[in-house]
Amino acid sequence: QFQVVESGGGLVQPGGSLRLSCATSESTLRHYNMGWSRQAPGKEREGVSCISANDGHTYYADSVKGRFTISKDYARNTVYLQMNNLKPEDTAIYYCGAVTPFCYADYPLYHPWGQGTQVTVSS
């Protein structure tokens, strides 16, 4: 319950790609809006992307629109974050968890359920 395991982070060069995975349960995927947030050194944790439980609609922070894609796979009980054209400013610890009350709320709350996975974008 309320447990996820994030993976897929690593060191990549600018312009490279990574796919993050968030392993959870089917019931969690169906019941909760799920999302990714990140925290860079010296910065506040910020919401990155959210996918709704009800209809699969997605939300992206302006800083990642056009570069990141969130998806979920019920067969694998996994939420993914495909990150393309990575930039140094994407360097952060990425966390997965529920988003409340909904993705398009004025102030959605991203719950960091796991320990996070480190993404480092550097040449």
Protein backbone atom coordinates (compact mmCIF):
# COMPACT_ATOMS: atom_id res chain seq x y z
CA GLN A 1 0.00 0.00 0.00
CA PHE A 2 1.28 3.44 -1.00
CA GLN A 3 4.53 1.88 -2.17
CA VAL A 4 6.32 2.45 -5.45
CA VAL A 5 9.74 1.60 -6.79
CA GLU A 6 11.27 4.12 -9.17
CA SER A 7 13.96 3.09 -11.61
CA GLY A 8 15.53 4.10 -14.90
CA GLY A 9 17.53 7.11 -13.84
CA GLY A 10 21.13 7.60 -14.74
CA LEU A 11 23.72 9.84 -16.33
CA VAL A 12 23.05 11.07 -19.85
CA GLN A 13 24.40 13.79 -22.09
CA PRO A 14 22.30 16.80 -23.11
CA GLY A 15 19.93 15.80 -25.87
CA GLY A 16 19.79 12.23 -24.68
CA SER A 17 16.82 10.20 -23.50
CA LEU A 18 15.79 8.19 -20.47
CA ARG A 19 12.68 6.27 -19.54
CA LEU A 20 11.75 6.24 -15.89
CA SER A 21 9.61 3.46 -14.46
CA CYS A 22 7.38 3.51 -11.40
CA ALA A 23 6.38 0.02 -10.34
CA THR A 24 3.20 -0.15 -8.27
CA SER A 25 -0.02 -2.17 -8.08
CA GLU A 26 -2.95 -2.37 -10.48
CA SER A 27 -5.32 -1.13 -7.80
CA THR A 28 -3.12 1.89 -7.20
CA LEU A 29 -3.00 2.71 -10.90
CA ARG A 30 -6.78 2.47 -11.22
CA HIS A 31 -7.58 4.35 -8.03
CA TYR A 32 -5.10 7.22 -8.00
CA ASN A 33 -3.99 9.91 -10.34
CA MET A 34 -0.28 9.21 -10.65
CA GLY A 35 2.52 11.58 -11.37
CA TRP A 36 6.16 12.41 -11.34
CA SER A 37 7.76 15.23 -9.40
CA ARG A 38 11.40 16.20 -9.14
CA GLN A 39 13.73 18.07 -6.86
CA ALA A 40 16.96 19.63 -8.00
CA PRO A 41 19.68 20.73 -5.58
CA GLY A 42 18.77 24.03 -3.95
CA LYS A 43 15.28 24.07 -5.46
CA GLU A 44 11.79 23.22 -4.31
CA ARG A 45 10.27 19.95 -5.40
CA GLU A 46 8.02 20.54 -8.39
CA GLY A 47 5.39 18.58 -10.24
CA VAL A 48 6.51 17.37 -13.65
CA SER A 49 3.72 15.27 -15.12
CA CYS A 50 0.46 13.63 -14.10
CA ILE A 51 -1.84 11.03 -15.61
CA SER A 52 -5.40 10.76 -14.39
CA ALA A 53 -6.91 7.57 -13.03
CA ASN A 54 -10.30 8.14 -14.62
CA ASP A 55 -9.59 8.86 -18.26
CA GLY A 56 -5.82 8.85 -18.72
CA HIS A 57 -5.64 12.56 -19.45
CA THR A 58 -2.16 13.94 -18.98
CA TYR A 59 -0.61 17.08 -17.59
CA TYR A 60 2.88 18.44 -18.15
CA ALA A 61 4.77 21.27 -16.58
CA ASP A 62 5.56 23.96 -19.13
CA SER A 63 9.26 23.25 -18.79
CA VAL A 64 8.89 19.70 -20.13
CA LYS A 65 6.05 19.98 -22.64
CA GLY A 66 6.99 18.47 -25.96
CA ARG A 67 9.89 16.56 -24.45
CA PHE A 68 8.39 14.28 -21.78
CA THR A 69 5.57 11.75 -22.11
CA ILE A 70 3.80 10.05 -19.22
CA SER A 71 1.99 6.75 -19.66
CA LYS A 72 0.78 3.79 -17.66
CA ASP A 73 0.63 0.08 -18.37
CA TYR A 74 -1.86 -1.94 -16.34
CA ALA A 75 -0.35 -5.23 -17.52
CA ARG A 76 2.96 -4.29 -15.95
CA ASN A 77 1.53 -2.20 -13.09
CA THR A 78 3.88 0.56 -14.10
CA VAL A 79 3.84 4.28 -14.77
CA TYR A 80 6.45 5.53 -17.21
CA LEU A 81 8.02 8.87 -17.91
CA GLN A 82 9.70 9.00 -21.29
CA MET A 83 12.16 11.88 -21.27
CA ASN A 84 13.61 13.05 -24.57
CA ASN A 85 15.93 15.90 -25.48
CA LEU A 86 17.12 16.11 -21.91
CA LYS A 87 18.64 19.34 -20.67
CA PRO A 88 21.03 20.01 -17.79
CA GLU A 89 18.19 21.73 -15.93
CA ASP A 90 16.35 18.39 -15.88
CA THR A 91 18.95 17.12 -13.43
CA ALA A 92 17.07 16.14 -10.27
CA ILE A 93 15.81 13.30 -8.16
CA TYR A 94 12.54 12.10 -9.70
CA TYR A 95 9.76 10.79 -7.50
CA CYS A 96 6.59 8.91 -8.34
CA GLY A 97 3.34 8.87 -6.40
CA ALA A 98 -0.29 9.88 -6.27
CA VAL A 99 -1.45 13.34 -7.28
CA THR A 100 -4.35 14.90 -5.43
CA PRO A 101 -7.02 16.04 -5.85
CA PHE A 102 -6.62 15.86 -9.64
CA CYS A 103 -4.00 16.60 -12.27
CA TYR A 104 -5.45 19.95 -13.35
CA ALA A 105 -6.14 21.31 -9.88
CA ASP A 106 -4.94 24.85 -9.18
CA TYR A 107 -2.41 23.47 -6.71
CA PRO A 108 -2.05 19.73 -7.25
CA LEU A 109 -0.18 17.89 -4.55
CA TYR A 110 2.40 15.39 -5.76
CA HIS A 111 3.05 12.73 -3.13
CA PRO A 112 6.58 11.28 -3.25
CA TRP A 113 5.91 7.66 -2.35
CA GLY A 114 9.28 6.21 -3.24
CA GLN A 115 12.92 6.95 -2.64
CA GLY A 116 13.32 8.50 -6.07
CA THR A 117 15.67 7.90 -8.94
CA GLN A 118 18.52 10.22 -9.84
CA VAL A 119 18.63 11.79 -13.29
CA THR A 120 21.81 13.61 -14.18
CA VAL A 121 22.16 15.42 -17.50
CA SER A 122 25.71 16.52 -18.09
CA SER A 123 28.42 16.50 -20.71
